[in-house]
Amino acid sequence: MIEKLHSIGISNAMITSTVITLILCAVAVIGGRRIESVPSSKLQNALEAGIEKLYRFFEDIMGEYACRRYFPVVATLFIYILVCNYSGLLPMAGHFPGLAAPTSSINFPMGLAVVVFFATQIVGIRESHGPRFFKHLFQPFAFLFPIMLVEQFVRPLSLTLRLYGNVFGEEAVVSSFFDMVPLGLPLPMQALSILMGFVQALVFSLLAAIYIGEAAHTAEHL
């Protein structure tokens, strides 16, 4: 079955990302199926506590208005990337058919970066009620337009290379250490991988929050 999927261009990373998407959707449906004002479910308690902490964090970055409207976007990015990063810690990840960390393939972070790019533009147009949002590319001086335009397109490239480069580099280092010292060292290196997976998910979603929050606030002042 896996070989047939590979034959039509579906990679291990794509299979893993699809499974992760289905699992996260199932958790969200189960956790929110019977929402109570005073939670009695441990799952609902855990989900609410985690989401509340995320909301407070992104609210400080985006501002109260932008976070209230666009928190689901940045929170989804963080949770999705985090789980994708951690999928690389599963036994035989990258060596077992159909199992590979999606973030270890450059196509995955590139796709997410493109989503962030278009989300930023859509937020700006939505908040400014039209294409006048792009007036900010000519501010404070019109002759800076080429630089401002290039900056917009550099952002998704930066997001892609930062996430992919760090994850790929971390996996390469861990693999090298495993080859040299197969016993004793793996446990600390796995702990480092857990930390790095969290940091990279946080950095990507943090930058996305900054871009989206900036677009919302820019539109307000046009």
N, C-alpha and C. Protein backbone atom coordinates (compact mmCIF):
# COMPACT_ATOMS: atom_id res chain seq x y z
N MET A 1 0.83 -1.20 0.00
CA MET A 1 0.00 0.00 0.00
C MET A 1 0.86 1.26 0.00
N ILE A 2 1.86 1.28 0.91
CA ILE A 2 2.75 2.44 1.00
C ILE A 2 3.51 2.62 -0.31
N GLU A 3 3.94 1.48 -0.91
CA GLU A 3 4.68 1.54 -2.16
C GLU A 3 3.83 2.15 -3.28
N LYS A 4 2.53 1.83 -3.28
CA LYS A 4 1.64 2.40 -4.29
C LYS A 4 1.51 3.91 -4.12
N LEU A 5 1.44 4.36 -2.86
CA LEU A 5 1.36 5.80 -2.60
C LEU A 5 2.64 6.49 -3.05
N HIS A 6 3.78 5.84 -2.78
CA HIS A 6 5.05 6.42 -3.20
C HIS A 6 5.12 6.52 -4.72
N SER A 7 4.53 5.55 -5.40
CA SER A 7 4.61 5.52 -6.87
C SER A 7 3.85 6.67 -7.51
N ILE A 8 2.89 7.27 -6.80
CA ILE A 8 2.15 8.41 -7.35
C ILE A 8 2.61 9.72 -6.73
N GLY A 9 3.77 9.70 -6.08
CA GLY A 9 4.38 10.94 -5.59
C GLY A 9 4.03 11.34 -4.18
N ILE A 10 3.40 10.46 -3.43
CA ILE A 10 3.05 10.76 -2.03
C ILE A 10 4.18 10.25 -1.14
N SER A 11 4.82 11.17 -0.43
CA SER A 11 5.99 10.82 0.38
C SER A 11 5.59 10.39 1.79
N ASN A 12 6.56 9.88 2.53
CA ASN A 12 6.33 9.48 3.92
C ASN A 12 5.90 10.68 4.76
N ALA A 13 6.52 11.84 4.50
CA ALA A 13 6.17 13.06 5.25
C ALA A 13 4.72 13.46 5.01
N MET A 14 4.24 13.29 3.78
CA MET A 14 2.85 13.63 3.46
C MET A 14 1.89 12.68 4.17
N ILE A 15 2.25 11.41 4.22
CA ILE A 15 1.40 10.43 4.91
C ILE A 15 1.33 10.75 6.40
N THR A 16 2.50 11.05 7.00
CA THR A 16 2.53 11.37 8.42
C THR A 16 1.74 12.64 8.72
N SER A 17 1.89 13.66 7.90
CA SER A 17 1.17 14.92 8.14
C SER A 17 -0.34 14.72 8.03
N THR A 18 -0.77 13.85 7.11
CA THR A 18 -2.20 13.56 6.97
C THR A 18 -2.74 12.86 8.21
N VAL A 19 -1.98 11.88 8.71
CA VAL A 19 -2.39 11.17 9.93
C VAL A 19 -2.45 12.12 11.12
N ILE A 20 -1.46 13.01 11.23
CA ILE A 20 -1.44 13.99 12.32
C ILE A 20 -2.65 14.90 12.24
N THR A 21 -2.98 15.33 11.03
CA THR A 21 -4.15 16.19 10.83
C THR A 21 -5.42 15.50 11.31
N LEU A 22 -5.58 14.24 10.95
CA LEU A 22 -6.76 13.48 11.36
C LEU A 22 -6.82 13.30 12.88
N ILE A 23 -5.66 13.03 13.48
CA ILE A 23 -5.62 12.85 14.94
C ILE A 23 -5.98 14.14 15.66
N LEU A 24 -5.42 15.27 15.21
CA LEU A 24 -5.71 16.55 15.85
C LEU A 24 -7.18 16.93 15.69
N CYS A 25 -7.74 16.64 14.51
CA CYS A 25 -9.17 16.90 14.30
C CYS A 25 -10.02 16.06 15.23
N ALA A 26 -9.64 14.78 15.40
CA ALA A 26 -10.39 13.89 16.29
C ALA A 26 -10.32 14.37 17.73
N VAL A 27 -9.12 14.79 18.17
CA VAL A 27 -8.97 15.30 19.54
C VAL A 27 -9.82 16.55 19.74
N ALA A 28 -9.82 17.45 18.75
CA ALA A 28 -10.61 18.68 18.86
C ALA A 28 -12.11 18.37 18.94
N VAL A 29 -12.56 17.42 18.11
CA VAL A 29 -13.99 17.06 18.11
C VAL A 29 -14.39 16.41 19.43
N ILE A 30 -13.55 15.47 19.90
CA ILE A 30 -13.86 14.77 21.16
C ILE A 30 -13.80 15.74 22.34
N GLY A 31 -12.76 16.59 22.35
CA GLY A 31 -12.60 17.52 23.45
C GLY A 31 -13.67 18.59 23.51
N GLY A 32 -14.21 18.97 22.34
CA GLY A 32 -15.22 20.03 22.32
C GLY A 32 -16.63 19.54 22.11
N ARG A 33 -16.82 18.20 22.16
CA ARG A 33 -18.15 17.65 21.87
C ARG A 33 -19.16 18.02 22.94
N ARG A 34 -18.73 18.01 24.19
CA ARG A 34 -19.63 18.35 25.30
C ARG A 34 -18.98 19.43 26.16
N ILE A 35 -18.90 20.62 25.59
CA ILE A 35 -18.26 21.72 26.30
C ILE A 35 -19.15 22.15 27.47
N GLU A 36 -18.54 22.23 28.64
CA GLU A 36 -19.26 22.64 29.85
C GLU A 36 -18.63 23.89 30.42
N SER A 37 -19.46 24.76 31.00
CA SER A 37 -18.93 25.99 31.60
C SER A 37 -18.00 25.68 32.76
N VAL A 38 -18.30 24.61 33.49
CA VAL A 38 -17.41 24.12 34.53
C VAL A 38 -16.95 22.72 34.10
N PRO A 39 -15.79 22.62 33.48
CA PRO A 39 -15.36 21.35 32.88
C PRO A 39 -15.25 20.23 33.91
N SER A 40 -15.80 19.07 33.56
CA SER A 40 -15.65 17.88 34.39
C SER A 40 -14.75 16.85 33.71
N SER A 41 -14.54 17.05 32.41
CA SER A 41 -13.70 16.14 31.63
C SER A 41 -12.23 16.55 31.77
N LYS A 42 -11.37 15.56 32.02
CA LYS A 42 -9.94 15.85 32.12
C LYS A 42 -9.39 16.36 30.80
N LEU A 43 -9.89 15.80 29.69
CA LEU A 43 -9.43 16.23 28.37
C LEU A 43 -9.80 17.68 28.14
N GLN A 44 -11.06 18.04 28.45
CA GLN A 44 -11.48 19.43 28.28
C GLN A 44 -10.67 20.36 29.17
N ASN A 45 -10.41 19.94 30.40
CA ASN A 45 -9.61 20.75 31.32
C ASN A 45 -8.22 20.99 30.74
N ALA A 46 -7.59 19.94 30.25
CA ALA A 46 -6.24 20.05 29.71
C ALA A 46 -6.21 20.94 28.46
N LEU A 47 -7.18 20.74 27.57
CA LEU A 47 -7.24 21.53 26.35
C LEU A 47 -7.48 23.00 26.66
N GLU A 48 -8.39 23.28 27.57
CA GLU A 48 -8.70 24.67 27.91
C GLU A 48 -7.50 25.36 28.56
N ALA A 49 -6.81 24.65 29.44
CA ALA A 49 -5.64 25.23 30.10
C ALA A 49 -4.55 25.56 29.09
N GLY A 50 -4.30 24.63 28.17
CA GLY A 50 -3.28 24.85 27.15
C GLY A 50 -3.64 26.00 26.22
N ILE A 51 -4.88 26.03 25.77
CA ILE A 51 -5.33 27.07 24.85
C ILE A 51 -5.31 28.44 25.53
N GLU A 52 -5.69 28.47 26.81
CA GLU A 52 -5.68 29.75 27.53
C GLU A 52 -4.27 30.31 27.66
N LYS A 53 -3.30 29.45 27.95
CA LYS A 53 -1.91 29.90 28.06
C LYS A 53 -1.41 30.41 26.71
N LEU A 54 -1.77 29.68 25.64
CA LEU A 54 -1.38 30.14 24.31
C LEU A 54 -2.00 31.49 23.98
N TYR A 55 -3.28 31.65 24.34
CA TYR A 55 -3.97 32.90 24.04
C TYR A 55 -3.30 34.07 24.74
N ARG A 56 -2.97 33.90 26.01
CA ARG A 56 -2.32 34.97 26.77
C ARG A 56 -0.98 35.32 26.15
N PHE A 57 -0.26 34.31 25.70
CA PHE A 57 1.05 34.55 25.09
C PHE A 57 0.91 35.35 23.80
N PHE A 58 0.02 34.89 22.91
CA PHE A 58 -0.13 35.57 21.63
C PHE A 58 -0.82 36.93 21.77
N GLU A 59 -1.63 37.10 22.80
CA GLU A 59 -2.26 38.39 23.03
C GLU A 59 -1.22 39.47 23.30
N ASP A 60 -0.18 39.13 24.03
CA ASP A 60 0.90 40.08 24.29
C ASP A 60 1.65 40.44 23.02
N ILE A 61 1.67 39.52 22.07
CA ILE A 61 2.39 39.76 20.81
C ILE A 61 1.54 40.52 19.80
N MET A 62 0.29 40.10 19.63
CA MET A 62 -0.56 40.62 18.57
C MET A 62 -1.42 41.80 19.01
N GLY A 63 -1.64 41.93 20.30
CA GLY A 63 -2.61 42.90 20.77
C GLY A 63 -3.97 42.24 20.97
N GLU A 64 -4.80 42.84 21.80
CA GLU A 64 -6.07 42.22 22.17
C GLU A 64 -7.00 42.03 20.98
N TYR A 65 -7.10 43.05 20.12
CA TYR A 65 -8.04 42.99 18.99
C TYR A 65 -7.63 41.92 17.98
N ALA A 66 -6.37 41.98 17.53
CA ALA A 66 -5.90 41.03 16.51
C ALA A 66 -5.91 39.60 17.03
N CYS A 67 -5.54 39.42 18.30
CA CYS A 67 -5.52 38.07 18.87
C CYS A 67 -6.93 37.50 18.96
N ARG A 68 -7.89 38.31 19.35
CA ARG A 68 -9.27 37.83 19.47
C ARG A 68 -9.81 37.35 18.13
N ARG A 69 -9.39 37.99 17.04
CA ARG A 69 -9.91 37.64 15.73
C ARG A 69 -9.11 36.54 15.03
N TYR A 70 -7.79 36.52 15.27
CA TYR A 70 -6.94 35.64 14.47
C TYR A 70 -6.14 34.64 15.28
N PHE A 71 -6.46 34.51 16.55
CA PHE A 71 -5.79 33.53 17.39
C PHE A 71 -5.89 32.11 16.84
N PRO A 72 -7.05 31.68 16.31
CA PRO A 72 -7.13 30.30 15.80
C PRO A 72 -6.07 29.98 14.75
N VAL A 73 -5.69 30.96 13.94
CA VAL A 73 -4.71 30.72 12.88
C VAL A 73 -3.34 30.42 13.48
N VAL A 74 -2.87 31.31 14.37
CA VAL A 74 -1.52 31.14 14.92
C VAL A 74 -1.45 29.97 15.89
N ALA A 75 -2.53 29.73 16.64
CA ALA A 75 -2.56 28.59 17.57
C ALA A 75 -2.52 27.27 16.80
N THR A 76 -3.24 27.20 15.71
CA THR A 76 -3.23 26.00 14.88
C THR A 76 -1.84 25.74 14.31
N LEU A 77 -1.18 26.80 13.86
CA LEU A 77 0.18 26.66 13.35
C LEU A 77 1.11 26.09 14.42
N PHE A 78 1.02 26.64 15.62
CA PHE A 78 1.90 26.19 16.70
C PHE A 78 1.66 24.72 17.03
N ILE A 79 0.41 24.36 17.24
CA ILE A 79 0.08 22.99 17.64
C ILE A 79 0.45 22.00 16.53
N TYR A 80 0.13 22.36 15.31
CA TYR A 80 0.38 21.46 14.18
C TYR A 80 1.88 21.24 13.98
N ILE A 81 2.65 22.32 13.98
CA ILE A 81 4.10 22.19 13.80
C ILE A 81 4.73 21.44 14.96
N LEU A 82 4.25 21.70 16.17
CA LEU A 82 4.79 21.02 17.35
C LEU A 82 4.61 19.51 17.24
N VAL A 83 3.41 19.08 16.90
CA VAL A 83 3.14 17.64 16.79
C VAL A 83 3.93 17.04 15.63
N CYS A 84 4.05 17.79 14.53
CA CYS A 84 4.83 17.30 13.39
C CYS A 84 6.31 17.14 13.77
N ASN A 85 6.83 18.10 14.52
CA ASN A 85 8.22 17.99 14.98
C ASN A 85 8.41 16.77 15.86
N TYR A 86 7.47 16.57 16.78
CA TYR A 86 7.59 15.46 17.73
C TYR A 86 7.38 14.10 17.08
N SER A 87 6.73 14.09 15.91
CA SER A 87 6.55 12.81 15.22
C SER A 87 7.89 12.22 14.80
N GLY A 88 8.90 13.09 14.67
CA GLY A 88 10.23 12.61 14.32
C GLY A 88 10.92 11.88 15.46
N LEU A 89 10.35 11.96 16.68
CA LEU A 89 10.92 11.27 17.83
C LEU A 89 10.40 9.84 17.97
N LEU A 90 9.40 9.51 17.18
CA LEU A 90 8.86 8.16 17.25
C LEU A 90 9.89 7.14 16.77
N PRO A 91 9.89 5.96 17.36
CA PRO A 91 10.85 4.92 16.93
C PRO A 91 10.74 4.64 15.42
N MET A 92 11.87 4.56 14.76
CA MET A 92 11.96 4.25 13.33
C MET A 92 11.45 5.38 12.43
N ALA A 93 11.22 6.57 12.99
CA ALA A 93 10.79 7.69 12.16
C ALA A 93 11.86 8.00 11.12
N GLY A 94 11.44 8.09 9.87
CA GLY A 94 12.38 8.32 8.79
C GLY A 94 12.93 7.04 8.18
N HIS A 95 12.71 5.92 8.87
CA HIS A 95 13.21 4.63 8.37
C HIS A 95 12.06 3.64 8.13
N PHE A 96 10.92 3.91 8.75
CA PHE A 96 9.75 3.03 8.60
C PHE A 96 8.84 3.60 7.51
N PRO A 97 8.34 2.79 6.59
CA PRO A 97 7.49 3.28 5.50
C PRO A 97 6.26 4.02 6.03
N GLY A 98 6.06 5.22 5.53
CA GLY A 98 4.90 6.01 5.92
C GLY A 98 5.10 6.84 7.16
N LEU A 99 6.29 6.81 7.75
CA LEU A 99 6.54 7.56 8.99
C LEU A 99 7.78 8.42 8.83
N ALA A 100 7.58 9.74 8.79
CA ALA A 100 8.69 10.69 8.72
C ALA A 100 8.18 12.05 9.18
N ALA A 101 8.99 12.76 9.95
CA ALA A 101 8.58 14.08 10.43
C ALA A 101 8.33 15.00 9.24
N PRO A 102 7.12 15.54 9.10
CA PRO A 102 6.82 16.41 7.95
C PRO A 102 7.77 17.60 7.84
N THR A 103 8.22 18.13 8.99
CA THR A 103 9.09 19.30 8.96
C THR A 103 10.50 18.98 8.48
N SER A 104 10.81 17.70 8.30
CA SER A 104 12.13 17.33 7.78
C SER A 104 12.17 17.42 6.26
N SER A 105 11.01 17.69 5.65
CA SER A 105 10.92 17.91 4.20
C SER A 105 10.67 19.39 3.95
N ILE A 106 11.43 20.00 3.07
CA ILE A 106 11.32 21.45 2.85
C ILE A 106 9.96 21.85 2.30
N ASN A 107 9.25 20.91 1.67
CA ASN A 107 7.93 21.24 1.11
C ASN A 107 6.93 21.62 2.19
N PHE A 108 7.05 21.00 3.36
CA PHE A 108 6.09 21.25 4.44
C PHE A 108 6.22 22.67 5.00
N PRO A 109 7.41 23.08 5.47
CA PRO A 109 7.53 24.46 5.96
C PRO A 109 7.27 25.50 4.86
N MET A 110 7.60 25.15 3.61
CA MET A 110 7.34 26.07 2.52
C MET A 110 5.83 26.30 2.35
N GLY A 111 5.06 25.21 2.44
CA GLY A 111 3.61 25.32 2.33
C GLY A 111 3.03 26.15 3.45
N LEU A 112 3.51 25.94 4.68
CA LEU A 112 3.02 26.72 5.82
C LEU A 112 3.40 28.19 5.68
N ALA A 113 4.61 28.45 5.18
CA ALA A 113 5.06 29.83 5.01
C ALA A 113 4.19 30.56 3.98
N VAL A 114 3.81 29.86 2.92
CA VAL A 114 2.93 30.45 1.91
C VAL A 114 1.56 30.76 2.51
N VAL A 115 1.07 29.85 3.36
CA VAL A 115 -0.21 30.09 4.05
C VAL A 115 -0.12 31.36 4.90
N VAL A 116 0.98 31.52 5.64
CA VAL A 116 1.17 32.71 6.48
C VAL A 116 1.22 33.97 5.61
N PHE A 117 1.92 33.89 4.48
CA PHE A 117 2.03 35.04 3.58
C PHE A 117 0.66 35.50 3.11
N PHE A 118 -0.14 34.57 2.61
CA PHE A 118 -1.46 34.95 2.09
C PHE A 118 -2.41 35.34 3.23
N ALA A 119 -2.27 34.69 4.38
CA ALA A 119 -3.11 35.06 5.53
C ALA A 119 -2.84 36.50 5.93
N THR A 120 -1.56 36.90 5.91
CA THR A 120 -1.20 38.28 6.25
C THR A 120 -1.83 39.28 5.30
N GLN A 121 -1.76 38.98 4.00
CA GLN A 121 -2.34 39.90 3.02
C GLN A 121 -3.87 39.96 3.15
N ILE A 122 -4.47 38.80 3.38
CA ILE A 122 -5.94 38.76 3.51
C ILE A 122 -6.40 39.53 4.74
N VAL A 123 -5.68 39.37 5.85
CA VAL A 123 -6.02 40.10 7.07
C VAL A 123 -5.92 41.60 6.83
N GLY A 124 -4.84 42.03 6.18
CA GLY A 124 -4.66 43.45 5.90
C GLY A 124 -5.78 44.01 5.03
N ILE A 125 -6.13 43.29 3.96
CA ILE A 125 -7.20 43.73 3.07
C ILE A 125 -8.54 43.74 3.79
N ARG A 126 -8.77 42.72 4.61
CA ARG A 126 -10.03 42.62 5.35
C ARG A 126 -10.17 43.76 6.35
N GLU A 127 -9.12 44.05 7.08
CA GLU A 127 -9.19 45.07 8.12
C GLU A 127 -9.24 46.49 7.55
N SER A 128 -8.66 46.66 6.36
CA SER A 128 -8.68 48.00 5.73
C SER A 128 -9.84 48.15 4.75
N HIS A 129 -10.66 47.09 4.63
CA HIS A 129 -11.85 47.08 3.77
C HIS A 129 -11.50 47.33 2.31
N GLY A 130 -10.41 46.73 1.85
CA GLY A 130 -10.07 46.87 0.44
C GLY A 130 -8.58 46.92 0.20
N PRO A 131 -8.20 47.10 -1.06
CA PRO A 131 -6.78 47.07 -1.43
C PRO A 131 -5.97 48.27 -0.94
N ARG A 132 -6.61 49.25 -0.30
CA ARG A 132 -5.83 50.38 0.21
C ARG A 132 -4.84 49.95 1.28
N PHE A 133 -4.96 48.69 1.74
CA PHE A 133 -3.98 48.15 2.69
C PHE A 133 -2.56 48.25 2.13
N PHE A 134 -2.44 48.10 0.80
CA PHE A 134 -1.12 48.09 0.19
C PHE A 134 -0.48 49.47 0.14
N LYS A 135 -1.21 50.50 0.62
CA LYS A 135 -0.62 51.82 0.72
C LYS A 135 0.58 51.82 1.66
N HIS A 136 0.60 50.87 2.61
CA HIS A 136 1.69 50.87 3.58
C HIS A 136 3.03 50.55 2.93
N LEU A 137 2.98 49.97 1.71
CA LEU A 137 4.22 49.69 1.00
C LEU A 137 4.90 50.96 0.50
N PHE A 138 4.16 52.05 0.48
CA PHE A 138 4.71 53.33 0.01
C PHE A 138 5.02 54.27 1.18
N GLN A 139 4.92 53.78 2.39
CA GLN A 139 5.16 54.60 3.57
C GLN A 139 6.46 54.16 4.25
N PRO A 140 7.20 55.07 4.85
CA PRO A 140 6.92 56.52 4.96
C PRO A 140 7.27 57.31 3.71
N PHE A 141 8.03 56.68 2.76
CA PHE A 141 8.40 57.38 1.53
C PHE A 141 8.15 56.46 0.34
N ALA A 142 7.63 57.02 -0.74
CA ALA A 142 7.25 56.22 -1.90
C ALA A 142 8.45 55.52 -2.53
N PHE A 143 9.63 56.15 -2.47
CA PHE A 143 10.79 55.54 -3.13
C PHE A 143 11.27 54.27 -2.42
N LEU A 144 10.71 53.99 -1.23
CA LEU A 144 11.06 52.77 -0.51
C LEU A 144 10.21 51.58 -0.93
N PHE A 145 9.29 51.80 -1.89
CA PHE A 145 8.38 50.74 -2.31
C PHE A 145 9.09 49.45 -2.72
N PRO A 146 10.15 49.50 -3.56
CA PRO A 146 10.81 48.24 -3.94
C PRO A 146 11.34 47.46 -2.74
N ILE A 147 11.90 48.17 -1.77
CA ILE A 147 12.44 47.51 -0.58
C ILE A 147 11.31 46.90 0.25
N MET A 148 10.22 47.64 0.42
CA MET A 148 9.08 47.15 1.20
C MET A 148 8.46 45.93 0.52
N LEU A 149 8.42 45.94 -0.81
CA LEU A 149 7.84 44.82 -1.56
C LEU A 149 8.71 43.58 -1.41
N VAL A 150 10.02 43.76 -1.55
CA VAL A 150 10.94 42.62 -1.40
C VAL A 150 10.83 42.03 -0.01
N GLU A 151 10.67 42.90 1.00
CA GLU A 151 10.56 42.41 2.38
C GLU A 151 9.37 41.47 2.54
N GLN A 152 8.25 41.79 1.87
CA GLN A 152 7.06 40.94 1.97
C GLN A 152 7.32 39.55 1.42
N PHE A 153 8.10 39.46 0.34
CA PHE A 153 8.36 38.16 -0.27
C PHE A 153 9.51 37.43 0.39
N VAL A 154 10.34 38.14 1.11
CA VAL A 154 11.43 37.50 1.84
C VAL A 154 10.90 36.78 3.07
N ARG A 155 9.81 37.27 3.62
CA ARG A 155 9.25 36.68 4.84
C ARG A 155 8.96 35.18 4.71
N PRO A 156 8.20 34.74 3.68
CA PRO A 156 7.95 33.29 3.58
C PRO A 156 9.23 32.49 3.34
N LEU A 157 10.19 33.07 2.62
CA LEU A 157 11.46 32.39 2.42
C LEU A 157 12.19 32.21 3.75
N SER A 158 12.18 33.27 4.55
CA SER A 158 12.82 33.22 5.87
C SER A 158 12.15 32.19 6.77
N LEU A 159 10.82 32.18 6.78
CA LEU A 159 10.09 31.21 7.60
C LEU A 159 10.42 29.78 7.17
N THR A 160 10.46 29.56 5.87
CA THR A 160 10.74 28.21 5.34
C THR A 160 12.13 27.74 5.75
N LEU A 161 13.13 28.55 5.48
CA LEU A 161 14.51 28.14 5.73
C LEU A 161 14.79 28.01 7.23
N ARG A 162 14.17 28.87 8.03
CA ARG A 162 14.41 28.81 9.48
C ARG A 162 13.89 27.50 10.06
N LEU A 163 12.65 27.15 9.71
CA LEU A 163 12.06 25.92 10.26
C LEU A 163 12.74 24.68 9.70
N TYR A 164 12.87 24.63 8.38
CA TYR A 164 13.47 23.45 7.76
C TYR A 164 14.93 23.29 8.16
N GLY A 165 15.68 24.38 8.12
CA GLY A 165 17.11 24.31 8.43
C GLY A 165 17.38 23.85 9.84
N ASN A 166 16.63 24.37 10.79
CA ASN A 166 16.85 23.99 12.18
C ASN A 166 16.44 22.55 12.45
N VAL A 167 15.30 22.13 11.91
CA VAL A 167 14.84 20.76 12.13
C VAL A 167 15.77 19.77 11.43
N PHE A 168 16.12 20.08 10.18
CA PHE A 168 17.00 19.18 9.44
C PHE A 168 18.38 19.09 10.11
N GLY A 169 18.90 20.24 10.53
CA GLY A 169 20.19 20.25 11.19
C GLY A 169 20.19 19.50 12.50
N GLU A 170 19.13 19.70 13.28
CA GLU A 170 19.02 19.00 14.57
C GLU A 170 18.93 17.49 14.36
N GLU A 171 18.17 17.05 13.35
CA GLU A 171 18.05 15.62 13.08
C GLU A 171 19.38 15.04 12.61
N ALA A 172 20.12 15.80 11.80
CA ALA A 172 21.41 15.33 11.31
C ALA A 172 22.41 15.17 12.45
N VAL A 173 22.41 16.13 13.38
CA VAL A 173 23.33 16.07 14.53
C VAL A 173 22.99 14.88 15.42
N VAL A 174 21.69 14.72 15.71
CA VAL A 174 21.27 13.61 16.57
C VAL A 174 21.62 12.28 15.93
N SER A 175 21.38 12.16 14.61
CA SER A 175 21.69 10.91 13.91
C SER A 175 23.18 10.61 13.97
N SER A 176 24.01 11.63 13.82
CA SER A 176 25.46 11.44 13.88
C SER A 176 25.90 10.96 15.26
N PHE A 177 25.33 11.56 16.31
CA PHE A 177 25.67 11.15 17.66
C PHE A 177 25.22 9.72 17.93
N PHE A 178 24.06 9.36 17.39
CA PHE A 178 23.56 7.99 17.57
C PHE A 178 24.51 6.99 16.93
N ASP A 179 25.06 7.35 15.76
CA ASP A 179 25.98 6.44 15.07
C ASP A 179 27.29 6.28 15.85
N MET A 180 27.72 7.39 16.47
CA MET A 180 29.00 7.33 17.20
C MET A 180 28.86 6.69 18.57
N VAL A 181 27.78 7.07 19.30
CA VAL A 181 27.58 6.56 20.66
C VAL A 181 26.15 6.05 20.77
N PRO A 182 25.89 4.82 20.39
CA PRO A 182 24.51 4.30 20.39
C PRO A 182 23.92 4.08 21.77
N LEU A 183 24.75 3.98 22.80
CA LEU A 183 24.26 3.72 24.15
C LEU A 183 24.60 4.89 25.08
N GLY A 184 23.63 5.26 25.93
CA GLY A 184 23.88 6.29 26.93
C GLY A 184 23.55 7.68 26.45
N LEU A 185 24.11 8.08 25.29
CA LEU A 185 23.89 9.42 24.78
C LEU A 185 22.50 9.67 24.20
N PRO A 186 21.85 8.66 23.60
CA PRO A 186 20.55 8.92 22.96
C PRO A 186 19.52 9.62 23.84
N LEU A 187 19.45 9.28 25.13
CA LEU A 187 18.42 9.86 25.98
C LEU A 187 18.56 11.38 26.12
N PRO A 188 19.76 11.91 26.46
CA PRO A 188 19.92 13.37 26.50
C PRO A 188 19.65 14.03 25.16
N MET A 189 20.03 13.37 24.08
CA MET A 189 19.80 13.94 22.76
C MET A 189 18.32 13.98 22.42
N GLN A 190 17.57 12.99 22.88
CA GLN A 190 16.13 13.00 22.66
C GLN A 190 15.49 14.15 23.45
N ALA A 191 16.01 14.38 24.65
CA ALA A 191 15.51 15.50 25.46
C ALA A 191 15.79 16.82 24.75
N LEU A 192 16.96 16.93 24.14
CA LEU A 192 17.29 18.14 23.37
C LEU A 192 16.37 18.28 22.16
N SER A 193 16.04 17.17 21.54
CA SER A 193 15.13 17.20 20.38
C SER A 193 13.74 17.68 20.79
N ILE A 194 13.29 17.28 21.98
CA ILE A 194 11.99 17.73 22.48
C ILE A 194 11.99 19.24 22.66
N LEU A 195 13.08 19.76 23.24
CA LEU A 195 13.19 21.21 23.45
C LEU A 195 13.25 21.95 22.12
N MET A 196 14.06 21.45 21.20
CA MET A 196 14.21 22.12 19.91
C MET A 196 12.92 22.08 19.10
N GLY A 197 12.19 20.97 19.18
CA GLY A 197 10.91 20.88 18.48
C GLY A 197 9.93 21.91 18.97
N PHE A 198 9.92 22.13 20.29
CA PHE A 198 9.03 23.14 20.88
C PHE A 198 9.46 24.54 20.47
N VAL A 199 10.75 24.81 20.53
CA VAL A 199 11.26 26.15 20.20
C VAL A 199 10.97 26.50 18.75
N GLN A 200 11.19 25.57 17.84
CA GLN A 200 10.97 25.85 16.42
C GLN A 200 9.49 26.09 16.11
N ALA A 201 8.61 25.33 16.75
CA ALA A 201 7.17 25.56 16.57
C ALA A 201 6.78 26.92 17.11
N LEU A 202 7.36 27.28 18.25
CA LEU A 202 7.04 28.57 18.87
C LEU A 202 7.55 29.73 18.02
N VAL A 203 8.77 29.61 17.50
CA VAL A 203 9.35 30.70 16.70
C VAL A 203 8.54 30.92 15.42
N PHE A 204 8.17 29.83 14.75
CA PHE A 204 7.39 29.97 13.51
C PHE A 204 6.05 30.64 13.78
N SER A 205 5.33 30.15 14.78
CA SER A 205 4.02 30.73 15.08
C SER A 205 4.14 32.14 15.64
N LEU A 206 5.24 32.42 16.35
CA LEU A 206 5.46 33.77 16.88
C LEU A 206 5.65 34.77 15.74
N LEU A 207 6.46 34.40 14.75
CA LEU A 207 6.66 35.29 13.61
C LEU A 207 5.37 35.46 12.82
N ALA A 208 4.61 34.37 12.67
CA ALA A 208 3.31 34.47 11.99
C ALA A 208 2.39 35.43 12.74
N ALA A 209 2.40 35.35 14.08
CA ALA A 209 1.57 36.24 14.90
C ALA A 209 2.00 37.70 14.73
N ILE A 210 3.31 37.93 14.66
CA ILE A 210 3.82 39.29 14.46
C ILE A 210 3.37 39.84 13.12
N TYR A 211 3.49 39.03 12.07
CA TYR A 211 3.11 39.49 10.72
C TYR A 211 1.62 39.78 10.64
N ILE A 212 0.81 38.88 11.17
CA ILE A 212 -0.65 39.06 11.10
C ILE A 212 -1.09 40.22 11.97
N GLY A 213 -0.53 40.31 13.18
CA GLY A 213 -0.86 41.42 14.07
C GLY A 213 -0.45 42.75 13.46
N GLU A 214 0.71 42.77 12.83
CA GLU A 214 1.19 43.98 12.17
C GLU A 214 0.26 44.40 11.04
N ALA A 215 -0.20 43.42 10.26
CA ALA A 215 -1.12 43.72 9.15
C ALA A 215 -2.43 44.30 9.67
N ALA A 216 -2.94 43.73 10.77
CA ALA A 216 -4.20 44.22 11.35
C ALA A 216 -4.04 45.65 11.86
N HIS A 217 -2.94 45.92 12.54
CA HIS A 217 -2.74 47.26 13.12
C HIS A 217 -2.41 48.28 12.04
N THR A 218 -1.69 47.85 10.99
CA THR A 218 -1.39 48.76 9.88
C THR A 218 -2.65 49.20 9.18
N ALA A 219 -3.56 48.25 8.98
CA ALA A 219 -4.83 48.56 8.32
C ALA A 219 -5.64 49.55 9.14
N GLU A 220 -5.56 49.47 10.46
CA GLU A 220 -6.31 50.36 11.33
C GLU A 220 -5.87 51.81 11.18
N HIS A 221 -4.59 52.01 10.84
CA HIS A 221 -4.05 53.37 10.82
C HIS A 221 -3.89 53.96 9.42
N LEU A 222 -4.43 53.27 8.42
CA LEU A 222 -4.37 53.81 7.07
C LEU A 222 -5.44 54.88 6.86
